[in-house]
Amino acid sequence: MGDLFIWISQASPWLWLALGIILIALEILAPSFILIWPGLAAMLMAGLTWLVPGFSGQALVALYATLSIALLFGGRALMARVEQDEPSSVLNARGQSMVGRDAKVLSVNGPQGKVEIDGVQWPTTWEDGPAPEAGQWVTVTEALGTSLRARLRKT
């Protein structure tokens, strides 16, 4: 084990840079946002060993481990904040964006019918209670795949 620390202490900054490139390349092949942080830590180690040579092997391993862990937790926190700030997409859940909106009843056939929202017709089932008549307004209460559930709009 002592020979390993001696070898690490004598290693060129290019070795740390190569390790960083390899880890980041592996991250590109299997995107998990795990290997990028030790890869970036290795690149920082390359710069550190180039600017301040002479660290012991144990110190370099401890510093690399500390940098890797710090970048992992810091990067994960940053990624969580960025993902939280992104607006959620309703591209594949268009019906969900209709919940709470008012719709005009086009036709009624018992407990089912069609409503129109923004020029688009939606098959709809009515909640318990009186069924609306064509021309009345309803409020969408739920999206069920490509159909909606609605109740008479309260005026």
N, C-alpha and C. Protein backbone atom coordinates (compact mmCIF):
# COMPACT_ATOMS: atom_id res chain seq x y z
N MET A 1 0.82 -1.18 0.00
CA MET A 1 0.00 0.00 0.00
C MET A 1 0.87 1.25 0.00
N GLY A 2 2.02 1.17 0.68
CA GLY A 2 2.94 2.30 0.72
C GLY A 2 3.46 2.65 -0.66
N ASP A 3 3.69 1.61 -1.50
CA ASP A 3 4.17 1.86 -2.86
C ASP A 3 3.14 2.62 -3.69
N LEU A 4 1.87 2.34 -3.44
CA LEU A 4 0.80 3.03 -4.17
C LEU A 4 0.81 4.52 -3.84
N PHE A 5 0.94 4.86 -2.57
CA PHE A 5 0.97 6.27 -2.18
C PHE A 5 2.20 6.98 -2.73
N ILE A 6 3.32 6.28 -2.79
CA ILE A 6 4.53 6.87 -3.39
C ILE A 6 4.31 7.11 -4.87
N TRP A 7 3.70 6.14 -5.55
CA TRP A 7 3.42 6.29 -6.98
C TRP A 7 2.47 7.46 -7.22
N ILE A 8 1.42 7.59 -6.39
CA ILE A 8 0.46 8.69 -6.53
C ILE A 8 1.16 10.04 -6.29
N SER A 9 2.04 10.09 -5.29
CA SER A 9 2.71 11.37 -5.01
C SER A 9 3.65 11.78 -6.13
N GLN A 10 4.16 10.81 -6.90
CA GLN A 10 5.08 11.11 -7.99
C GLN A 10 4.38 11.23 -9.34
N ALA A 11 3.07 10.98 -9.36
CA ALA A 11 2.33 11.00 -10.62
C ALA A 11 2.26 12.41 -11.19
N SER A 12 2.25 12.47 -12.50
CA SER A 12 2.18 13.73 -13.22
C SER A 12 0.76 14.30 -13.14
N PRO A 13 0.61 15.62 -13.23
CA PRO A 13 -0.74 16.21 -13.33
C PRO A 13 -1.51 15.67 -14.53
N TRP A 14 -0.80 15.21 -15.56
CA TRP A 14 -1.46 14.66 -16.73
C TRP A 14 -2.22 13.38 -16.39
N LEU A 15 -1.77 12.64 -15.38
CA LEU A 15 -2.48 11.44 -14.95
C LEU A 15 -3.84 11.82 -14.35
N TRP A 16 -3.84 12.87 -13.53
CA TRP A 16 -5.11 13.32 -12.96
C TRP A 16 -6.05 13.82 -14.06
N LEU A 17 -5.48 14.53 -15.02
CA LEU A 17 -6.29 15.03 -16.14
C LEU A 17 -6.87 13.88 -16.95
N ALA A 18 -6.05 12.85 -17.21
CA ALA A 18 -6.52 11.68 -17.95
C ALA A 18 -7.63 10.97 -17.18
N LEU A 19 -7.47 10.83 -15.85
CA LEU A 19 -8.51 10.22 -15.03
C LEU A 19 -9.81 11.01 -15.13
N GLY A 20 -9.70 12.33 -15.07
CA GLY A 20 -10.90 13.17 -15.19
C GLY A 20 -11.59 13.00 -16.52
N ILE A 21 -10.81 12.95 -17.60
CA ILE A 21 -11.39 12.79 -18.94
C ILE A 21 -12.06 11.43 -19.06
N ILE A 22 -11.43 10.40 -18.54
CA ILE A 22 -12.00 9.04 -18.61
C ILE A 22 -13.32 8.99 -17.84
N LEU A 23 -13.35 9.55 -16.64
CA LEU A 23 -14.58 9.53 -15.85
C LEU A 23 -15.70 10.31 -16.51
N ILE A 24 -15.38 11.45 -17.09
CA ILE A 24 -16.41 12.24 -17.76
C ILE A 24 -16.87 11.53 -19.03
N ALA A 25 -15.96 10.86 -19.74
CA ALA A 25 -16.37 10.09 -20.93
C ALA A 25 -17.28 8.94 -20.52
N LEU A 26 -16.99 8.29 -19.41
CA LEU A 26 -17.88 7.23 -18.93
C LEU A 26 -19.24 7.79 -18.55
N GLU A 27 -19.27 9.00 -18.01
CA GLU A 27 -20.54 9.65 -17.68
C GLU A 27 -21.36 9.91 -18.93
N ILE A 28 -20.69 10.28 -20.01
CA ILE A 28 -21.39 10.52 -21.27
C ILE A 28 -22.00 9.23 -21.80
N LEU A 29 -21.29 8.12 -21.64
CA LEU A 29 -21.80 6.83 -22.11
C LEU A 29 -22.96 6.32 -21.27
N ALA A 30 -22.93 6.58 -19.98
CA ALA A 30 -23.99 6.13 -19.07
C ALA A 30 -24.43 7.32 -18.22
N PRO A 31 -25.26 8.20 -18.78
CA PRO A 31 -25.60 9.44 -18.06
C PRO A 31 -26.36 9.17 -16.77
N SER A 32 -25.67 9.39 -15.65
CA SER A 32 -26.30 9.19 -14.34
C SER A 32 -26.00 10.36 -13.42
N PHE A 33 -25.19 11.29 -13.86
CA PHE A 33 -24.75 12.44 -13.07
C PHE A 33 -24.08 12.00 -11.77
N ILE A 34 -23.34 10.90 -11.83
CA ILE A 34 -22.56 10.43 -10.69
C ILE A 34 -21.08 10.55 -11.00
N LEU A 35 -20.65 10.07 -12.16
CA LEU A 35 -19.23 10.05 -12.50
C LEU A 35 -18.67 11.41 -12.88
N ILE A 36 -19.54 12.34 -13.19
CA ILE A 36 -19.06 13.66 -13.59
C ILE A 36 -18.37 14.37 -12.43
N TRP A 37 -18.84 14.15 -11.21
CA TRP A 37 -18.28 14.87 -10.06
C TRP A 37 -16.87 14.39 -9.72
N PRO A 38 -16.61 13.07 -9.64
CA PRO A 38 -15.22 12.65 -9.44
C PRO A 38 -14.34 13.01 -10.64
N GLY A 39 -14.93 13.06 -11.84
CA GLY A 39 -14.17 13.49 -13.01
C GLY A 39 -13.73 14.93 -12.89
N LEU A 40 -14.65 15.79 -12.45
CA LEU A 40 -14.29 17.19 -12.25
C LEU A 40 -13.28 17.34 -11.11
N ALA A 41 -13.43 16.51 -10.07
CA ALA A 41 -12.48 16.55 -8.96
C ALA A 41 -11.09 16.16 -9.45
N ALA A 42 -11.01 15.16 -10.33
CA ALA A 42 -9.71 14.76 -10.87
C ALA A 42 -9.09 15.88 -11.70
N MET A 43 -9.90 16.60 -12.43
CA MET A 43 -9.37 17.73 -13.21
C MET A 43 -8.88 18.85 -12.29
N LEU A 44 -9.60 19.08 -11.19
CA LEU A 44 -9.12 20.05 -10.21
C LEU A 44 -7.81 19.58 -9.58
N MET A 45 -7.69 18.29 -9.35
CA MET A 45 -6.45 17.73 -8.81
C MET A 45 -5.29 17.93 -9.78
N ALA A 46 -5.57 17.82 -11.08
CA ALA A 46 -4.53 18.05 -12.08
C ALA A 46 -4.00 19.47 -11.95
N GLY A 47 -4.91 20.43 -11.84
CA GLY A 47 -4.49 21.82 -11.68
C GLY A 47 -3.74 22.05 -10.38
N LEU A 48 -4.22 21.42 -9.31
CA LEU A 48 -3.58 21.59 -8.01
C LEU A 48 -2.17 21.00 -8.00
N THR A 49 -2.00 19.77 -8.55
CA THR A 49 -0.67 19.15 -8.55
C THR A 49 0.28 19.86 -9.51
N TRP A 50 -0.26 20.55 -10.49
CA TRP A 50 0.59 21.32 -11.40
C TRP A 50 1.05 22.62 -10.72
N LEU A 51 0.11 23.27 -10.00
CA LEU A 51 0.45 24.53 -9.33
C LEU A 51 1.24 24.34 -8.04
N VAL A 52 0.90 23.29 -7.27
CA VAL A 52 1.54 23.07 -5.97
C VAL A 52 2.03 21.62 -5.91
N PRO A 53 3.18 21.32 -6.50
CA PRO A 53 3.68 19.95 -6.44
C PRO A 53 4.23 19.62 -5.05
N GLY A 54 4.40 18.33 -4.78
CA GLY A 54 5.05 17.93 -3.54
C GLY A 54 4.13 17.40 -2.46
N PHE A 55 2.85 17.24 -2.74
CA PHE A 55 1.95 16.65 -1.76
C PHE A 55 2.29 15.18 -1.58
N SER A 56 2.03 14.65 -0.40
CA SER A 56 2.23 13.21 -0.18
C SER A 56 1.09 12.45 -0.85
N GLY A 57 1.30 11.17 -1.07
CA GLY A 57 0.27 10.34 -1.69
C GLY A 57 -0.99 10.28 -0.86
N GLN A 58 -0.84 10.17 0.46
CA GLN A 58 -2.00 10.13 1.34
C GLN A 58 -2.78 11.44 1.28
N ALA A 59 -2.08 12.55 1.24
CA ALA A 59 -2.75 13.85 1.17
C ALA A 59 -3.50 14.00 -0.16
N LEU A 60 -2.90 13.53 -1.26
CA LEU A 60 -3.57 13.62 -2.56
C LEU A 60 -4.83 12.76 -2.59
N VAL A 61 -4.76 11.54 -2.05
CA VAL A 61 -5.94 10.67 -2.03
C VAL A 61 -7.02 11.28 -1.15
N ALA A 62 -6.66 11.79 0.02
CA ALA A 62 -7.64 12.41 0.91
C ALA A 62 -8.26 13.65 0.27
N LEU A 63 -7.45 14.45 -0.38
CA LEU A 63 -7.96 15.65 -1.05
C LEU A 63 -8.89 15.30 -2.20
N TYR A 64 -8.50 14.29 -2.98
CA TYR A 64 -9.35 13.85 -4.09
C TYR A 64 -10.69 13.33 -3.58
N ALA A 65 -10.66 12.52 -2.53
CA ALA A 65 -11.90 11.99 -1.96
C ALA A 65 -12.78 13.13 -1.43
N THR A 66 -12.17 14.09 -0.76
CA THR A 66 -12.92 15.22 -0.22
C THR A 66 -13.54 16.05 -1.34
N LEU A 67 -12.75 16.33 -2.37
CA LEU A 67 -13.27 17.09 -3.52
C LEU A 67 -14.40 16.34 -4.21
N SER A 68 -14.23 15.05 -4.40
CA SER A 68 -15.26 14.24 -5.07
C SER A 68 -16.57 14.28 -4.30
N ILE A 69 -16.49 14.09 -3.00
CA ILE A 69 -17.70 14.08 -2.18
C ILE A 69 -18.34 15.47 -2.13
N ALA A 70 -17.52 16.50 -1.99
CA ALA A 70 -18.05 17.87 -1.94
C ALA A 70 -18.72 18.24 -3.27
N LEU A 71 -18.08 17.89 -4.38
CA LEU A 71 -18.68 18.18 -5.69
C LEU A 71 -19.94 17.35 -5.92
N LEU A 72 -19.95 16.11 -5.45
CA LEU A 72 -21.14 15.26 -5.60
C LEU A 72 -22.33 15.89 -4.89
N PHE A 73 -22.17 16.23 -3.61
CA PHE A 73 -23.29 16.80 -2.87
C PHE A 73 -23.64 18.20 -3.36
N GLY A 74 -22.64 19.00 -3.65
CA GLY A 74 -22.91 20.34 -4.17
C GLY A 74 -23.57 20.30 -5.54
N GLY A 75 -23.09 19.41 -6.39
CA GLY A 75 -23.67 19.29 -7.73
C GLY A 75 -25.09 18.77 -7.69
N ARG A 76 -25.34 17.79 -6.82
CA ARG A 76 -26.70 17.25 -6.69
C ARG A 76 -27.65 18.32 -6.18
N ALA A 77 -27.20 19.13 -5.22
CA ALA A 77 -28.05 20.21 -4.70
C ALA A 77 -28.33 21.23 -5.80
N LEU A 78 -27.33 21.56 -6.59
CA LEU A 78 -27.52 22.49 -7.69
C LEU A 78 -28.48 21.92 -8.73
N MET A 79 -28.32 20.65 -9.06
CA MET A 79 -29.21 20.01 -10.03
C MET A 79 -30.65 19.99 -9.52
N ALA A 80 -30.84 19.72 -8.24
CA ALA A 80 -32.20 19.70 -7.67
C ALA A 80 -32.83 21.08 -7.74
N ARG A 81 -32.03 22.12 -7.48
CA ARG A 81 -32.56 23.48 -7.55
C ARG A 81 -32.93 23.86 -8.98
N VAL A 82 -32.10 23.48 -9.94
CA VAL A 82 -32.38 23.78 -11.34
C VAL A 82 -33.63 23.04 -11.80
N GLU A 83 -33.75 21.76 -11.44
CA GLU A 83 -34.93 20.98 -11.84
C GLU A 83 -36.19 21.52 -11.20
N GLN A 84 -36.09 22.03 -9.97
CA GLN A 84 -37.23 22.58 -9.27
C GLN A 84 -37.70 23.88 -9.93
N ASP A 85 -36.77 24.66 -10.45
CA ASP A 85 -37.12 25.94 -11.07
C ASP A 85 -37.69 25.79 -12.47
N GLU A 86 -37.48 24.62 -13.11
CA GLU A 86 -37.99 24.42 -14.45
C GLU A 86 -39.49 24.23 -14.41
N PRO A 87 -40.22 24.88 -15.33
CA PRO A 87 -41.67 24.67 -15.35
C PRO A 87 -41.98 23.24 -15.79
N SER A 88 -43.00 22.68 -15.16
CA SER A 88 -43.36 21.32 -15.54
C SER A 88 -44.06 21.35 -16.89
N SER A 89 -43.77 20.38 -17.69
CA SER A 89 -44.33 20.31 -19.03
C SER A 89 -45.65 19.55 -19.00
N VAL A 90 -46.62 20.05 -19.73
CA VAL A 90 -47.89 19.35 -19.86
C VAL A 90 -48.05 18.86 -21.30
N LEU A 91 -46.92 18.71 -21.98
CA LEU A 91 -46.96 18.30 -23.37
C LEU A 91 -47.69 16.97 -23.54
N ASN A 92 -47.39 15.99 -22.70
CA ASN A 92 -48.02 14.69 -22.82
C ASN A 92 -49.17 14.50 -21.85
N ALA A 93 -49.57 15.54 -21.16
CA ALA A 93 -50.68 15.48 -20.22
C ALA A 93 -51.55 16.72 -20.42
N ARG A 94 -51.99 16.91 -21.63
CA ARG A 94 -52.71 18.13 -21.97
C ARG A 94 -54.00 18.27 -21.18
N GLY A 95 -54.65 17.14 -20.92
CA GLY A 95 -55.89 17.19 -20.17
C GLY A 95 -55.71 17.75 -18.78
N GLN A 96 -54.55 17.50 -18.16
CA GLN A 96 -54.29 18.00 -16.81
C GLN A 96 -54.33 19.53 -16.76
N SER A 97 -53.94 20.17 -17.86
CA SER A 97 -53.96 21.63 -17.87
C SER A 97 -55.38 22.19 -17.99
N MET A 98 -56.35 21.32 -18.25
CA MET A 98 -57.74 21.76 -18.37
C MET A 98 -58.47 21.79 -17.03
N VAL A 99 -57.92 21.11 -16.03
CA VAL A 99 -58.58 21.04 -14.73
C VAL A 99 -58.70 22.45 -14.14
N GLY A 100 -59.92 22.78 -13.70
CA GLY A 100 -60.21 24.08 -13.13
C GLY A 100 -60.70 25.10 -14.14
N ARG A 101 -60.63 24.77 -15.41
CA ARG A 101 -61.06 25.71 -16.44
C ARG A 101 -62.55 25.56 -16.73
N ASP A 102 -63.14 26.61 -17.26
CA ASP A 102 -64.54 26.57 -17.67
C ASP A 102 -64.63 26.13 -19.12
N ALA A 103 -65.69 25.37 -19.42
CA ALA A 103 -65.88 24.85 -20.77
C ALA A 103 -67.34 25.00 -21.17
N LYS A 104 -67.56 25.20 -22.44
CA LYS A 104 -68.92 25.33 -22.97
C LYS A 104 -69.41 23.96 -23.40
N VAL A 105 -70.60 23.59 -22.97
CA VAL A 105 -71.18 22.29 -23.32
C VAL A 105 -71.68 22.34 -24.76
N LEU A 106 -71.22 21.40 -25.58
CA LEU A 106 -71.64 21.33 -26.98
C LEU A 106 -72.78 20.34 -27.16
N SER A 107 -72.68 19.18 -26.48
CA SER A 107 -73.74 18.18 -26.60
C SER A 107 -73.80 17.37 -25.32
N VAL A 108 -75.01 16.81 -25.08
CA VAL A 108 -75.22 16.00 -23.88
C VAL A 108 -75.92 14.72 -24.32
N ASN A 109 -75.39 13.60 -23.84
CA ASN A 109 -75.99 12.30 -24.11
C ASN A 109 -76.00 11.51 -22.81
N GLY A 110 -76.97 11.82 -21.95
CA GLY A 110 -77.04 11.17 -20.64
C GLY A 110 -75.90 11.67 -19.75
N PRO A 111 -75.13 10.73 -19.18
CA PRO A 111 -74.06 11.13 -18.28
C PRO A 111 -72.78 11.56 -19.00
N GLN A 112 -72.85 11.60 -20.33
CA GLN A 112 -71.67 11.97 -21.11
C GLN A 112 -72.02 13.09 -22.08
N GLY A 113 -70.99 13.66 -22.67
CA GLY A 113 -71.22 14.71 -23.64
C GLY A 113 -69.90 15.23 -24.17
N LYS A 114 -69.96 16.39 -24.81
CA LYS A 114 -68.76 17.03 -25.34
C LYS A 114 -68.76 18.48 -24.89
N VAL A 115 -67.54 18.94 -24.54
CA VAL A 115 -67.35 20.34 -24.19
C VAL A 115 -66.28 20.92 -25.09
N GLU A 116 -66.22 22.25 -25.11
CA GLU A 116 -65.22 22.93 -25.93
C GLU A 116 -64.41 23.87 -25.04
N ILE A 117 -63.07 23.74 -25.17
CA ILE A 117 -62.15 24.65 -24.47
C ILE A 117 -61.13 25.11 -25.50
N ASP A 118 -61.03 26.41 -25.69
CA ASP A 118 -60.07 26.99 -26.64
C ASP A 118 -60.21 26.39 -28.03
N GLY A 119 -61.44 26.13 -28.45
CA GLY A 119 -61.68 25.61 -29.79
C GLY A 119 -61.45 24.12 -29.94
N VAL A 120 -61.13 23.42 -28.86
CA VAL A 120 -60.89 21.98 -28.91
C VAL A 120 -62.03 21.27 -28.20
N GLN A 121 -62.57 20.23 -28.85
CA GLN A 121 -63.67 19.46 -28.25
C GLN A 121 -63.10 18.32 -27.41
N TRP A 122 -63.71 18.13 -26.23
CA TRP A 122 -63.27 17.09 -25.32
C TRP A 122 -64.46 16.23 -24.92
N PRO A 123 -64.32 14.89 -24.99
CA PRO A 123 -65.38 14.03 -24.44
C PRO A 123 -65.40 14.20 -22.92
N THR A 124 -66.59 14.29 -22.37
CA THR A 124 -66.73 14.62 -20.97
C THR A 124 -67.81 13.78 -20.32
N THR A 125 -67.57 13.41 -19.06
CA THR A 125 -68.62 12.80 -18.24
C THR A 125 -68.97 13.80 -17.16
N TRP A 126 -70.22 13.79 -16.74
CA TRP A 126 -70.69 14.77 -15.77
C TRP A 126 -70.59 14.17 -14.37
N GLU A 127 -70.26 14.99 -13.42
CA GLU A 127 -70.26 14.56 -12.03
C GLU A 127 -71.70 14.34 -11.60
N ASP A 128 -71.87 13.71 -10.45
CA ASP A 128 -73.21 13.48 -9.92
C ASP A 128 -73.95 14.80 -9.80
N GLY A 129 -75.22 14.74 -10.05
CA GLY A 129 -76.02 15.95 -10.02
C GLY A 129 -76.70 16.14 -11.36
N PRO A 130 -77.33 17.25 -11.55
CA PRO A 130 -78.05 17.46 -12.81
C PRO A 130 -77.08 17.59 -13.99
N ALA A 131 -77.45 16.93 -15.08
CA ALA A 131 -76.65 17.03 -16.30
C ALA A 131 -76.89 18.41 -16.92
N PRO A 132 -75.86 19.01 -17.47
CA PRO A 132 -76.04 20.33 -18.08
C PRO A 132 -76.75 20.20 -19.43
N GLU A 133 -77.12 21.31 -19.95
CA GLU A 133 -77.73 21.36 -21.28
C GLU A 133 -76.73 22.00 -22.24
N ALA A 134 -76.91 21.72 -23.52
CA ALA A 134 -76.03 22.31 -24.52
C ALA A 134 -76.09 23.83 -24.40
N GLY A 135 -74.92 24.46 -24.45
CA GLY A 135 -74.83 25.91 -24.35
C GLY A 135 -74.48 26.38 -22.94
N GLN A 136 -74.67 25.52 -21.95
CA GLN A 136 -74.32 25.92 -20.58
C GLN A 136 -72.81 25.81 -20.38
N TRP A 137 -72.36 26.38 -19.28
CA TRP A 137 -70.94 26.34 -18.94
C TRP A 137 -70.72 25.41 -17.77
N VAL A 138 -69.63 24.64 -17.84
CA VAL A 138 -69.26 23.71 -16.79
C VAL A 138 -67.81 23.99 -16.37
N THR A 139 -67.43 23.49 -15.21
CA THR A 139 -66.05 23.60 -14.73
C THR A 139 -65.43 22.21 -14.74
N VAL A 140 -64.26 22.09 -15.34
CA VAL A 140 -63.57 20.81 -15.41
C VAL A 140 -62.98 20.50 -14.04
N THR A 141 -63.28 19.28 -13.54
CA THR A 141 -62.81 18.90 -12.21
C THR A 141 -61.72 17.83 -12.25
N GLU A 142 -61.60 17.11 -13.37
CA GLU A 142 -60.62 16.02 -13.43
C GLU A 142 -60.33 15.69 -14.89
N ALA A 143 -59.13 15.25 -15.14
CA ALA A 143 -58.73 14.78 -16.46
C ALA A 143 -58.50 13.28 -16.37
N LEU A 144 -59.15 12.53 -17.24
CA LEU A 144 -59.04 11.08 -17.26
C LEU A 144 -58.52 10.66 -18.63
N GLY A 145 -57.20 10.72 -18.80
CA GLY A 145 -56.63 10.40 -20.11
C GLY A 145 -56.99 11.48 -21.11
N THR A 146 -57.78 11.08 -22.12
CA THR A 146 -58.19 12.05 -23.14
C THR A 146 -59.61 12.55 -22.95
N SER A 147 -60.22 12.21 -21.82
CA SER A 147 -61.56 12.73 -21.54
C SER A 147 -61.52 13.51 -20.23
N LEU A 148 -62.57 14.30 -20.04
CA LEU A 148 -62.64 15.16 -18.87
C LEU A 148 -63.84 14.79 -18.02
N ARG A 149 -63.83 15.26 -16.80
CA ARG A 149 -64.96 15.13 -15.90
C ARG A 149 -65.30 16.56 -15.47
N ALA A 150 -66.60 16.90 -15.47
CA ALA A 150 -66.98 18.28 -15.20
C ALA A 150 -68.26 18.35 -14.38
N ARG A 151 -68.50 19.52 -13.81
CA ARG A 151 -69.73 19.80 -13.09
C ARG A 151 -70.25 21.15 -13.52
N LEU A 152 -71.54 21.40 -13.27
CA LEU A 152 -72.11 22.69 -13.62
C LEU A 152 -71.33 23.81 -12.96
N ARG A 153 -71.09 24.86 -13.72
CA ARG A 153 -70.34 25.99 -13.19
C ARG A 153 -71.21 26.76 -12.20
N LYS A 154 -70.57 27.11 -11.07
CA LYS A 154 -71.28 27.91 -10.08
C LYS A 154 -71.19 29.36 -10.51
N THR A 155 -72.32 30.03 -10.52
CA THR A 155 -72.33 31.42 -10.95
C THR A 155 -72.23 32.38 -9.81
